[in-house]
Every structure is written in structure tokens, then in C-alpha cells.
Amino acid sequence: MRLEAATDLDERMLLHDVADRLNSVADQLPLPDQIRADPVLSDILDDEVRHLARLLGYLAGQHAFRHRAAAHYPHQVTAAQRRLTLGLARAAEPAGAALATLGAAVHALGCLADLSHQAPSPVRARAMTSGHQHLADRIAETRTHLAEAAKHLRTAADTRPPPSATRPPLAASAPTRAH
């Protein structure tokens, strides 16, 4: 029982660590008033796409490992393990959505870079304003998805399953004799 409790604690700490890493990706993204169509933002997006891709790969890999283990040893799976495995799976969806919106941000930044090489005109100015807003929206959307993924992991880590019902000791359930 102590080993199971220690393993559960380790797994809960692991989920918190991954949630912290997802939050770290969000923290590296610029705030709306800091977004500029320049190479620095390209470098930031490049770094965070790679970090997030690794985290998404980790979530999928850990879920797959635990799913296989549960299929091979169904009688050894605890409620806590099932909860943690489901938490990994739940976090994968918004983490994947965050990666997709980062991809859209890269595209928006590329469009802005292309527009900056075109001749100035009112059409270009409107397109740049619209492109900048689209870029800012994608970065904000990425933050939202990352927060959701981290929330799923923290919820899975912090939710305790109800204690399993145990049978009362035999002595307590034995009928008493009347004298």
C-alpha cells in the first residue's frame, strides 16, 4: 500500500510538472501589446512550437504506455491510475489545439512579413492591421488552449478517488449472544 501511495504521489507530481511546462510555453509568448512582426517573434514561435510539440508527444506517449499497461494487466489498474491516464488524454486535445494555433500564428507572421515588402498603400495598411490582429488573436488563443491543458492535468493530479469500500472485520460482524 505504501508503494502504491508513493507511486501515486510521483505521478501527481509528474502531472503538475507537465502543467508547469505548458504554462511556461504560454509565458514565453508575447502579450498583445508586445507583438511585432519581426524576426524576434519568429524565433520565439520557433522555440515554443518545438517545446509544445515535445510536450504533446510526451502526453501522447505517456497515455499510450499507460493504456497498454492497463490492457495487459487489467487487475493491477487502480482508480488513481485510470484518473491520471484520462487526465493525460484530456490534456492532449487542448495541447494539440495550442500547437495548431501556434502554426496559424506562424502563418500570420509570414503574411505580415510578406506585406512589409510590398509598396505602401491603403490596401496594404488595412491588410497589415488585419494580419496583426489575426496574429495577436492566434497567440491569445494559444494561451487559452495551454491553460486548459494545464487545468486538465492539475485536476487529474489533485482529484482523489473515493476510498474503496472495505469489508468490516469478522469480529465486528459476528452476532452477539444474549444472556
N, C-alpha and C. Protein backbone atom coordinates (compact mmCIF):
# COMPACT_ATOMS: atom_id res chain seq x y z
N MET A 1 0.82 -1.19 0.00
CA MET A 1 0.00 0.00 0.00
C MET A 1 0.87 1.26 0.00
N ARG A 2 1.97 1.24 0.74
CA ARG A 2 2.86 2.41 0.78
C ARG A 2 3.47 2.66 -0.59
N LEU A 3 3.85 1.60 -1.30
CA LEU A 3 4.43 1.75 -2.62
C LEU A 3 3.41 2.37 -3.57
N GLU A 4 2.16 1.94 -3.48
CA GLU A 4 1.12 2.49 -4.32
C GLU A 4 0.92 3.97 -4.03
N ALA A 5 0.93 4.36 -2.77
CA ALA A 5 0.77 5.77 -2.39
C ALA A 5 1.96 6.60 -2.89
N ALA A 6 3.16 6.06 -2.79
CA ALA A 6 4.34 6.77 -3.27
C ALA A 6 4.29 6.92 -4.78
N THR A 7 3.88 5.88 -5.48
CA THR A 7 3.77 5.95 -6.94
C THR A 7 2.71 6.96 -7.34
N ASP A 8 1.58 6.97 -6.64
CA ASP A 8 0.52 7.94 -6.93
C ASP A 8 1.04 9.36 -6.73
N LEU A 9 1.78 9.59 -5.66
CA LEU A 9 2.35 10.92 -5.41
C LEU A 9 3.32 11.31 -6.53
N ASP A 10 4.17 10.38 -6.95
CA ASP A 10 5.11 10.66 -8.04
C ASP A 10 4.36 11.02 -9.32
N GLU A 11 3.30 10.29 -9.62
CA GLU A 11 2.54 10.55 -10.84
C GLU A 11 1.81 11.88 -10.75
N ARG A 12 1.29 12.21 -9.59
CA ARG A 12 0.62 13.51 -9.43
C ARG A 12 1.64 14.63 -9.59
N MET A 13 2.83 14.46 -9.04
CA MET A 13 3.88 15.48 -9.19
C MET A 13 4.27 15.61 -10.67
N LEU A 14 4.31 14.49 -11.38
CA LEU A 14 4.64 14.49 -12.80
C LEU A 14 3.61 15.30 -13.58
N LEU A 15 2.34 15.11 -13.29
CA LEU A 15 1.30 15.86 -13.99
C LEU A 15 1.42 17.36 -13.70
N HIS A 16 1.72 17.71 -12.46
CA HIS A 16 1.93 19.12 -12.13
C HIS A 16 3.14 19.68 -12.89
N ASP A 17 4.18 18.88 -13.02
CA ASP A 17 5.37 19.32 -13.75
C ASP A 17 5.04 19.59 -15.22
N VAL A 18 4.29 18.70 -15.84
CA VAL A 18 3.91 18.90 -17.24
C VAL A 18 3.01 20.13 -17.36
N ALA A 19 2.10 20.31 -16.42
CA ALA A 19 1.24 21.50 -16.42
C ALA A 19 2.09 22.76 -16.31
N ASP A 20 3.10 22.73 -15.46
CA ASP A 20 4.01 23.89 -15.32
C ASP A 20 4.74 24.15 -16.64
N ARG A 21 5.12 23.10 -17.32
CA ARG A 21 5.83 23.27 -18.60
C ARG A 21 4.90 23.87 -19.67
N LEU A 22 3.64 23.45 -19.66
CA LEU A 22 2.67 24.05 -20.59
C LEU A 22 2.50 25.53 -20.27
N ASN A 23 2.41 25.86 -18.99
CA ASN A 23 2.30 27.27 -18.59
C ASN A 23 3.55 28.05 -18.99
N SER A 24 4.71 27.40 -18.95
CA SER A 24 5.95 28.05 -19.34
C SER A 24 5.94 28.42 -20.83
N VAL A 25 5.38 27.52 -21.65
CA VAL A 25 5.25 27.84 -23.08
C VAL A 25 4.40 29.09 -23.23
N ALA A 26 3.27 29.14 -22.52
CA ALA A 26 2.39 30.32 -22.60
C ALA A 26 3.11 31.58 -22.13
N ASP A 27 3.92 31.45 -21.08
CA ASP A 27 4.64 32.60 -20.54
C ASP A 27 5.67 33.16 -21.51
N GLN A 28 6.17 32.33 -22.40
CA GLN A 28 7.17 32.78 -23.37
C GLN A 28 6.56 33.55 -24.54
N LEU A 29 5.26 33.40 -24.72
CA LEU A 29 4.60 34.09 -25.83
C LEU A 29 4.40 35.56 -25.47
N PRO A 30 4.56 36.45 -26.45
CA PRO A 30 4.41 37.88 -26.14
C PRO A 30 2.96 38.24 -25.84
N LEU A 31 2.79 39.26 -25.04
CA LEU A 31 1.47 39.81 -24.75
C LEU A 31 1.01 40.62 -25.97
N PRO A 32 -0.29 40.87 -26.09
CA PRO A 32 -0.78 41.57 -27.29
C PRO A 32 -0.04 42.88 -27.61
N ASP A 33 0.28 43.67 -26.60
CA ASP A 33 0.97 44.94 -26.88
C ASP A 33 2.46 44.76 -27.20
N GLN A 34 2.97 43.54 -27.08
CA GLN A 34 4.38 43.25 -27.37
C GLN A 34 4.56 42.58 -28.73
N ILE A 35 3.49 42.32 -29.43
CA ILE A 35 3.57 41.58 -30.69
C ILE A 35 4.01 42.52 -31.81
N ARG A 36 5.14 42.17 -32.39
CA ARG A 36 5.70 42.91 -33.52
C ARG A 36 6.04 41.90 -34.60
N ALA A 37 5.83 42.27 -35.83
CA ALA A 37 6.17 41.40 -36.95
C ALA A 37 7.66 41.52 -37.24
N ASP A 38 8.46 40.90 -36.37
CA ASP A 38 9.91 40.95 -36.56
C ASP A 38 10.52 39.57 -36.31
N PRO A 39 11.81 39.43 -36.66
CA PRO A 39 12.45 38.12 -36.51
C PRO A 39 12.49 37.59 -35.07
N VAL A 40 12.45 38.47 -34.08
CA VAL A 40 12.44 38.01 -32.69
C VAL A 40 11.21 37.16 -32.43
N LEU A 41 10.06 37.60 -32.93
CA LEU A 41 8.83 36.82 -32.75
C LEU A 41 8.93 35.50 -33.50
N SER A 42 9.55 35.50 -34.66
CA SER A 42 9.76 34.24 -35.39
C SER A 42 10.57 33.26 -34.56
N ASP A 43 11.60 33.75 -33.91
CA ASP A 43 12.43 32.89 -33.06
C ASP A 43 11.64 32.36 -31.87
N ILE A 44 10.83 33.23 -31.26
CA ILE A 44 10.02 32.80 -30.11
C ILE A 44 9.05 31.70 -30.55
N LEU A 45 8.34 31.94 -31.66
CA LEU A 45 7.39 30.94 -32.15
C LEU A 45 8.09 29.63 -32.50
N ASP A 46 9.25 29.73 -33.10
CA ASP A 46 10.03 28.53 -33.43
C ASP A 46 10.34 27.72 -32.17
N ASP A 47 10.85 28.40 -31.16
CA ASP A 47 11.19 27.72 -29.91
C ASP A 47 9.96 27.09 -29.25
N GLU A 48 8.88 27.86 -29.17
CA GLU A 48 7.71 27.37 -28.43
C GLU A 48 6.95 26.30 -29.20
N VAL A 49 6.98 26.33 -30.52
CA VAL A 49 6.39 25.23 -31.30
C VAL A 49 7.14 23.94 -30.98
N ARG A 50 8.46 24.01 -30.95
CA ARG A 50 9.24 22.80 -30.63
C ARG A 50 8.99 22.33 -29.21
N HIS A 51 8.94 23.24 -28.25
CA HIS A 51 8.68 22.85 -26.86
C HIS A 51 7.30 22.20 -26.74
N LEU A 52 6.32 22.83 -27.35
CA LEU A 52 4.96 22.31 -27.25
C LEU A 52 4.82 20.97 -27.98
N ALA A 53 5.48 20.83 -29.10
CA ALA A 53 5.43 19.55 -29.83
C ALA A 53 6.01 18.43 -28.98
N ARG A 54 7.08 18.72 -28.27
CA ARG A 54 7.66 17.70 -27.38
C ARG A 54 6.70 17.36 -26.24
N LEU A 55 6.07 18.38 -25.67
CA LEU A 55 5.11 18.13 -24.58
C LEU A 55 3.90 17.34 -25.06
N LEU A 56 3.40 17.67 -26.24
CA LEU A 56 2.29 16.91 -26.80
C LEU A 56 2.71 15.47 -27.06
N GLY A 57 3.90 15.28 -27.57
CA GLY A 57 4.43 13.92 -27.78
C GLY A 57 4.55 13.18 -26.46
N TYR A 58 4.95 13.87 -25.43
CA TYR A 58 5.06 13.25 -24.11
C TYR A 58 3.69 12.83 -23.59
N LEU A 59 2.70 13.72 -23.72
CA LEU A 59 1.34 13.39 -23.27
C LEU A 59 0.82 12.15 -24.00
N ALA A 60 0.98 12.14 -25.31
CA ALA A 60 0.50 11.00 -26.11
C ALA A 60 1.27 9.73 -25.75
N GLY A 61 2.57 9.84 -25.58
CA GLY A 61 3.38 8.67 -25.25
C GLY A 61 3.05 8.10 -23.88
N GLN A 62 2.89 8.97 -22.90
CA GLN A 62 2.54 8.50 -21.55
C GLN A 62 1.15 7.87 -21.54
N HIS A 63 0.22 8.47 -22.27
CA HIS A 63 -1.12 7.88 -22.34
C HIS A 63 -1.04 6.50 -22.99
N ALA A 64 -0.33 6.39 -24.08
CA ALA A 64 -0.22 5.10 -24.78
C ALA A 64 0.43 4.04 -23.89
N PHE A 65 1.48 4.42 -23.18
CA PHE A 65 2.15 3.48 -22.28
C PHE A 65 1.19 2.97 -21.21
N ARG A 66 0.47 3.89 -20.60
CA ARG A 66 -0.46 3.52 -19.52
C ARG A 66 -1.65 2.73 -20.05
N HIS A 67 -2.10 3.06 -21.24
CA HIS A 67 -3.21 2.34 -21.85
C HIS A 67 -2.80 0.89 -22.14
N ARG A 68 -1.59 0.72 -22.67
CA ARG A 68 -1.09 -0.65 -22.93
C ARG A 68 -0.95 -1.42 -21.63
N ALA A 69 -0.40 -0.78 -20.61
CA ALA A 69 -0.21 -1.45 -19.32
C ALA A 69 -1.55 -1.88 -18.74
N ALA A 70 -2.55 -1.02 -18.84
CA ALA A 70 -3.88 -1.37 -18.32
C ALA A 70 -4.50 -2.52 -19.10
N ALA A 71 -4.24 -2.56 -20.40
CA ALA A 71 -4.78 -3.66 -21.21
C ALA A 71 -4.10 -4.98 -20.90
N HIS A 72 -2.81 -4.93 -20.61
CA HIS A 72 -2.06 -6.16 -20.31
C HIS A 72 -2.26 -6.64 -18.87
N TYR A 73 -2.47 -5.72 -17.95
CA TYR A 73 -2.60 -6.06 -16.53
C TYR A 73 -3.85 -5.39 -15.94
N PRO A 74 -5.03 -5.75 -16.42
CA PRO A 74 -6.25 -5.04 -16.00
C PRO A 74 -6.54 -5.13 -14.51
N HIS A 75 -6.10 -6.18 -13.86
CA HIS A 75 -6.40 -6.33 -12.43
C HIS A 75 -5.48 -5.51 -11.54
N GLN A 76 -4.43 -4.93 -12.13
CA GLN A 76 -3.50 -4.13 -11.35
C GLN A 76 -3.76 -2.62 -11.47
N VAL A 77 -4.73 -2.26 -12.27
CA VAL A 77 -5.01 -0.85 -12.50
C VAL A 77 -5.85 -0.30 -11.36
N THR A 78 -5.39 0.81 -10.79
CA THR A 78 -6.13 1.45 -9.70
C THR A 78 -6.98 2.60 -10.26
N ALA A 79 -7.89 3.07 -9.44
CA ALA A 79 -8.72 4.21 -9.83
C ALA A 79 -7.84 5.44 -10.06
N ALA A 80 -6.81 5.60 -9.25
CA ALA A 80 -5.90 6.74 -9.42
C ALA A 80 -5.17 6.66 -10.76
N GLN A 81 -4.72 5.47 -11.13
CA GLN A 81 -4.03 5.32 -12.41
C GLN A 81 -4.97 5.62 -13.58
N ARG A 82 -6.21 5.16 -13.48
CA ARG A 82 -7.18 5.45 -14.54
C ARG A 82 -7.43 6.95 -14.65
N ARG A 83 -7.55 7.61 -13.50
CA ARG A 83 -7.78 9.05 -13.47
C ARG A 83 -6.60 9.80 -14.09
N LEU A 84 -5.39 9.40 -13.75
CA LEU A 84 -4.21 10.07 -14.29
C LEU A 84 -4.09 9.83 -15.79
N THR A 85 -4.38 8.62 -16.23
CA THR A 85 -4.31 8.30 -17.66
C THR A 85 -5.34 9.12 -18.43
N LEU A 86 -6.53 9.24 -17.90
CA LEU A 86 -7.55 10.05 -18.55
C LEU A 86 -7.15 11.52 -18.55
N GLY A 87 -6.51 11.98 -17.48
CA GLY A 87 -6.03 13.37 -17.44
C GLY A 87 -5.03 13.65 -18.54
N LEU A 88 -4.13 12.70 -18.80
CA LEU A 88 -3.17 12.86 -19.89
C LEU A 88 -3.90 12.97 -21.23
N ALA A 89 -4.90 12.11 -21.43
CA ALA A 89 -5.65 12.12 -22.68
C ALA A 89 -6.44 13.42 -22.83
N ARG A 90 -7.05 13.87 -21.74
CA ARG A 90 -7.83 15.12 -21.81
C ARG A 90 -6.94 16.31 -22.12
N ALA A 91 -5.73 16.33 -21.59
CA ALA A 91 -4.82 17.45 -21.83
C ALA A 91 -4.27 17.44 -23.25
N ALA A 92 -4.25 16.28 -23.88
CA ALA A 92 -3.69 16.21 -25.24
C ALA A 92 -4.50 17.02 -26.25
N GLU A 93 -5.82 17.04 -26.09
CA GLU A 93 -6.65 17.76 -27.06
C GLU A 93 -6.36 19.27 -27.06
N PRO A 94 -6.44 19.96 -25.92
CA PRO A 94 -6.13 21.39 -25.96
C PRO A 94 -4.65 21.67 -26.25
N ALA A 95 -3.76 20.76 -25.87
CA ALA A 95 -2.34 20.95 -26.21
C ALA A 95 -2.16 20.87 -27.73
N GLY A 96 -2.85 19.94 -28.37
CA GLY A 96 -2.80 19.84 -29.83
C GLY A 96 -3.42 21.08 -30.48
N ALA A 97 -4.51 21.57 -29.91
CA ALA A 97 -5.13 22.79 -30.44
C ALA A 97 -4.19 23.98 -30.29
N ALA A 98 -3.46 24.03 -29.18
CA ALA A 98 -2.48 25.10 -28.98
C ALA A 98 -1.39 25.03 -30.03
N LEU A 99 -0.95 23.83 -30.34
CA LEU A 99 0.07 23.67 -31.37
C LEU A 99 -0.47 24.12 -32.73
N ALA A 100 -1.71 23.78 -33.01
CA ALA A 100 -2.31 24.21 -34.28
C ALA A 100 -2.43 25.73 -34.35
N THR A 101 -2.83 26.37 -33.26
CA THR A 101 -2.95 27.82 -33.29
C THR A 101 -1.59 28.50 -33.35
N LEU A 102 -0.57 27.86 -32.80
CA LEU A 102 0.78 28.40 -32.99
C LEU A 102 1.18 28.31 -34.46
N GLY A 103 0.77 27.22 -35.11
CA GLY A 103 1.02 27.10 -36.55
C GLY A 103 0.33 28.22 -37.32
N ALA A 104 -0.89 28.53 -36.92
CA ALA A 104 -1.63 29.63 -37.56
C ALA A 104 -0.93 30.97 -37.28
N ALA A 105 -0.35 31.12 -36.09
CA ALA A 105 0.39 32.35 -35.77
C ALA A 105 1.63 32.47 -36.65
N VAL A 106 2.32 31.36 -36.89
CA VAL A 106 3.48 31.38 -37.78
C VAL A 106 3.04 31.83 -39.17
N HIS A 107 1.91 31.29 -39.65
CA HIS A 107 1.40 31.68 -40.96
C HIS A 107 1.07 33.18 -40.99
N ALA A 108 0.39 33.67 -39.96
CA ALA A 108 0.04 35.10 -39.91
C ALA A 108 1.29 35.97 -39.90
N LEU A 109 2.30 35.54 -39.16
CA LEU A 109 3.55 36.29 -39.12
C LEU A 109 4.22 36.29 -40.50
N GLY A 110 4.17 35.15 -41.17
CA GLY A 110 4.73 35.09 -42.54
C GLY A 110 4.01 36.02 -43.49
N CYS A 111 2.70 36.09 -43.38
CA CYS A 111 1.92 37.01 -44.23
C CYS A 111 2.30 38.46 -43.93
N LEU A 112 2.46 38.79 -42.65
CA LEU A 112 2.86 40.15 -42.29
C LEU A 112 4.25 40.48 -42.84
N ALA A 113 5.15 39.52 -42.75
CA ALA A 113 6.50 39.75 -43.29
C ALA A 113 6.43 40.00 -44.79
N ASP A 114 5.59 39.24 -45.47
CA ASP A 114 5.44 39.43 -46.92
C ASP A 114 4.85 40.80 -47.22
N LEU A 115 3.84 41.20 -46.46
CA LEU A 115 3.22 42.51 -46.68
C LEU A 115 4.21 43.65 -46.47
N SER A 116 5.14 43.47 -45.55
CA SER A 116 6.10 44.55 -45.26
C SER A 116 7.02 44.83 -46.45
N HIS A 117 7.10 43.91 -47.40
CA HIS A 117 7.95 44.09 -48.58
C HIS A 117 7.16 44.65 -49.77
N GLN A 118 5.88 44.85 -49.58
CA GLN A 118 5.06 45.41 -50.66
C GLN A 118 5.06 46.94 -50.57
N ALA A 119 4.73 47.54 -51.67
CA ALA A 119 4.69 49.01 -51.72
C ALA A 119 3.59 49.53 -50.79
N PRO A 120 3.88 50.63 -50.08
CA PRO A 120 2.87 51.20 -49.19
C PRO A 120 1.61 51.61 -49.98
N SER A 121 0.47 51.30 -49.36
CA SER A 121 -0.82 51.68 -49.94
C SER A 121 -1.88 51.52 -48.86
N PRO A 122 -3.05 52.10 -49.07
CA PRO A 122 -4.12 51.91 -48.09
C PRO A 122 -4.54 50.44 -47.96
N VAL A 123 -4.52 49.71 -49.05
CA VAL A 123 -4.88 48.29 -49.01
C VAL A 123 -3.86 47.52 -48.17
N ARG A 124 -2.59 47.81 -48.39
CA ARG A 124 -1.54 47.16 -47.60
C ARG A 124 -1.68 47.51 -46.12
N ALA A 125 -1.96 48.76 -45.81
CA ALA A 125 -2.11 49.19 -44.41
C ALA A 125 -3.26 48.43 -43.74
N ARG A 126 -4.39 48.31 -44.45
CA ARG A 126 -5.52 47.56 -43.88
C ARG A 126 -5.16 46.08 -43.71
N ALA A 127 -4.49 45.53 -44.69
CA ALA A 127 -4.09 44.11 -44.61
C ALA A 127 -3.12 43.89 -43.46
N MET A 128 -2.21 44.84 -43.23
CA MET A 128 -1.27 44.70 -42.12
C MET A 128 -1.99 44.81 -40.78
N THR A 129 -2.93 45.73 -40.67
CA THR A 129 -3.70 45.86 -39.43
C THR A 129 -4.48 44.58 -39.16
N SER A 130 -5.13 44.07 -40.18
CA SER A 130 -5.90 42.83 -40.05
C SER A 130 -4.99 41.65 -39.72
N GLY A 131 -3.85 41.57 -40.39
CA GLY A 131 -2.89 40.48 -40.14
C GLY A 131 -2.32 40.54 -38.74
N HIS A 132 -2.05 41.74 -38.27
CA HIS A 132 -1.53 41.90 -36.90
C HIS A 132 -2.57 41.45 -35.89
N GLN A 133 -3.82 41.81 -36.12
CA GLN A 133 -4.89 41.38 -35.21
C GLN A 133 -5.06 39.86 -35.25
N HIS A 134 -4.97 39.30 -36.43
CA HIS A 134 -5.08 37.83 -36.57
C HIS A 134 -3.94 37.16 -35.80
N LEU A 135 -2.75 37.68 -35.91
CA LEU A 135 -1.60 37.14 -35.19
C LEU A 135 -1.81 37.23 -33.68
N ALA A 136 -2.25 38.39 -33.22
CA ALA A 136 -2.49 38.57 -31.78
C ALA A 136 -3.59 37.62 -31.30
N ASP A 137 -4.62 37.45 -32.11
CA ASP A 137 -5.71 36.53 -31.73
C ASP A 137 -5.22 35.09 -31.63
N ARG A 138 -4.38 34.67 -32.55
CA ARG A 138 -3.86 33.29 -32.51
C ARG A 138 -2.98 33.07 -31.29
N ILE A 139 -2.19 34.05 -30.93
CA ILE A 139 -1.34 33.91 -29.75
C ILE A 139 -2.20 33.86 -28.48
N ALA A 140 -3.24 34.68 -28.43
CA ALA A 140 -4.15 34.65 -27.27
C ALA A 140 -4.88 33.31 -27.22
N GLU A 141 -5.31 32.82 -28.36
CA GLU A 141 -5.99 31.52 -28.42
C GLU A 141 -5.05 30.39 -27.96
N THR A 142 -3.80 30.50 -28.34
CA THR A 142 -2.81 29.50 -27.90
C THR A 142 -2.71 29.50 -26.38
N ARG A 143 -2.65 30.68 -25.79
CA ARG A 143 -2.59 30.77 -24.32
C ARG A 143 -3.81 30.12 -23.68
N THR A 144 -4.98 30.34 -24.25
CA THR A 144 -6.21 29.75 -23.72
C THR A 144 -6.15 28.23 -23.77
N HIS A 145 -5.71 27.69 -24.88
CA HIS A 145 -5.60 26.23 -25.01
C HIS A 145 -4.57 25.66 -24.03
N LEU A 146 -3.46 26.35 -23.86
CA LEU A 146 -2.43 25.87 -22.93
C LEU A 146 -2.95 25.89 -21.49
N ALA A 147 -3.68 26.93 -21.14
CA ALA A 147 -4.26 26.99 -19.79
C ALA A 147 -5.25 25.86 -19.57
N GLU A 148 -6.03 25.54 -20.60
CA GLU A 148 -7.00 24.44 -20.49
C GLU A 148 -6.28 23.10 -20.31
N ALA A 149 -5.22 22.88 -21.08
CA ALA A 149 -4.46 21.63 -20.97
C ALA A 149 -3.85 21.51 -19.57
N ALA A 150 -3.26 22.59 -19.09
CA ALA A 150 -2.66 22.57 -17.74
C ALA A 150 -3.73 22.32 -16.68
N LYS A 151 -4.90 22.90 -16.87
CA LYS A 151 -6.00 22.70 -15.91
C LYS A 151 -6.41 21.23 -15.87
N HIS A 152 -6.51 20.58 -17.02
CA HIS A 152 -6.86 19.15 -17.05
C HIS A 152 -5.83 18.32 -16.28
N LEU A 153 -4.57 18.65 -16.46
CA LEU A 153 -3.51 17.89 -15.76
C LEU A 153 -3.57 18.13 -14.26
N ARG A 154 -3.75 19.37 -13.87
CA ARG A 154 -3.81 19.67 -12.43
C ARG A 154 -5.06 19.05 -11.78
N THR A 155 -6.16 19.08 -12.49
CA THR A 155 -7.38 18.45 -11.96
C THR A 155 -7.17 16.96 -11.78
N ALA A 156 -6.57 16.31 -12.76
CA ALA A 156 -6.30 14.88 -12.66
C ALA A 156 -5.35 14.59 -11.51
N ALA A 157 -4.38 15.46 -11.31
CA ALA A 157 -3.40 15.24 -10.25
C ALA A 157 -3.99 15.48 -8.86
N ASP A 158 -4.90 16.43 -8.76
CA ASP A 158 -5.39 16.83 -7.44
C ASP A 158 -6.70 16.17 -7.01
N THR A 159 -7.37 15.50 -7.93
CA THR A 159 -8.63 14.84 -7.59
C THR A 159 -8.33 13.49 -6.98
N ARG A 160 -8.86 13.27 -5.83
CA ARG A 160 -8.67 11.99 -5.14
C ARG A 160 -9.87 11.10 -5.40
N PRO A 161 -9.63 9.86 -5.79
CA PRO A 161 -10.77 8.96 -5.96
C PRO A 161 -11.34 8.62 -4.59
N PRO A 162 -12.64 8.30 -4.54
CA PRO A 162 -13.22 7.93 -3.24
C PRO A 162 -12.56 6.66 -2.72
N PRO A 163 -12.44 6.54 -1.41
CA PRO A 163 -11.82 5.34 -0.86
C PRO A 163 -12.66 4.11 -1.23
N SER A 164 -11.96 3.02 -1.47
CA SER A 164 -12.68 1.81 -1.83
C SER A 164 -13.38 1.26 -0.59
N ALA A 165 -14.51 0.67 -0.83
CA ALA A 165 -15.28 0.09 0.28
C ALA A 165 -14.55 -1.15 0.79
N THR A 166 -14.44 -1.25 2.08
CA THR A 166 -13.79 -2.42 2.68
C THR A 166 -14.80 -3.15 3.53
N ARG A 167 -14.58 -4.40 3.67
CA ARG A 167 -15.47 -5.21 4.50
C ARG A 167 -15.10 -5.02 5.95
N PRO A 168 -16.10 -4.99 6.84
CA PRO A 168 -15.78 -4.86 8.26
C PRO A 168 -15.08 -6.13 8.74
N PRO A 169 -14.26 -6.02 9.79
CA PRO A 169 -13.58 -7.21 10.31
C PRO A 169 -14.62 -8.23 10.78
N LEU A 170 -14.25 -9.49 10.70
CA LEU A 170 -15.18 -10.57 11.07
C LEU A 170 -15.65 -10.44 12.50
N ALA A 171 -14.80 -10.07 13.41
CA ALA A 171 -15.19 -9.96 14.82
C ALA A 171 -16.29 -8.92 15.01
N ALA A 172 -16.24 -7.87 14.25
CA ALA A 172 -17.24 -6.82 14.39
C ALA A 172 -18.59 -7.25 13.81
N SER A 173 -18.56 -8.15 12.83
CA SER A 173 -19.80 -8.54 12.22
C SER A 173 -20.42 -9.80 12.84
N ALA A 174 -19.73 -10.40 13.79
CA ALA A 174 -20.27 -11.61 14.43
C ALA A 174 -21.45 -11.24 15.34
N PRO A 175 -22.50 -12.06 15.31
CA PRO A 175 -23.65 -11.75 16.17
C PRO A 175 -23.28 -11.90 17.65
N THR A 176 -23.88 -11.07 18.46
CA THR A 176 -23.63 -11.15 19.90
C THR A 176 -24.70 -12.05 20.54
N ARG A 177 -24.32 -12.75 21.62
CA ARG A 177 -25.28 -13.64 22.32
C ARG A 177 -25.95 -12.87 23.43
N ALA A 178 -27.20 -13.13 23.58
CA ALA A 178 -27.94 -12.55 24.71
C ALA A 178 -27.83 -13.47 25.88
N HIS A 179 -27.62 -12.97 27.07
CA HIS A 179 -27.52 -13.81 28.28
C HIS A 179 -28.79 -13.87 28.98
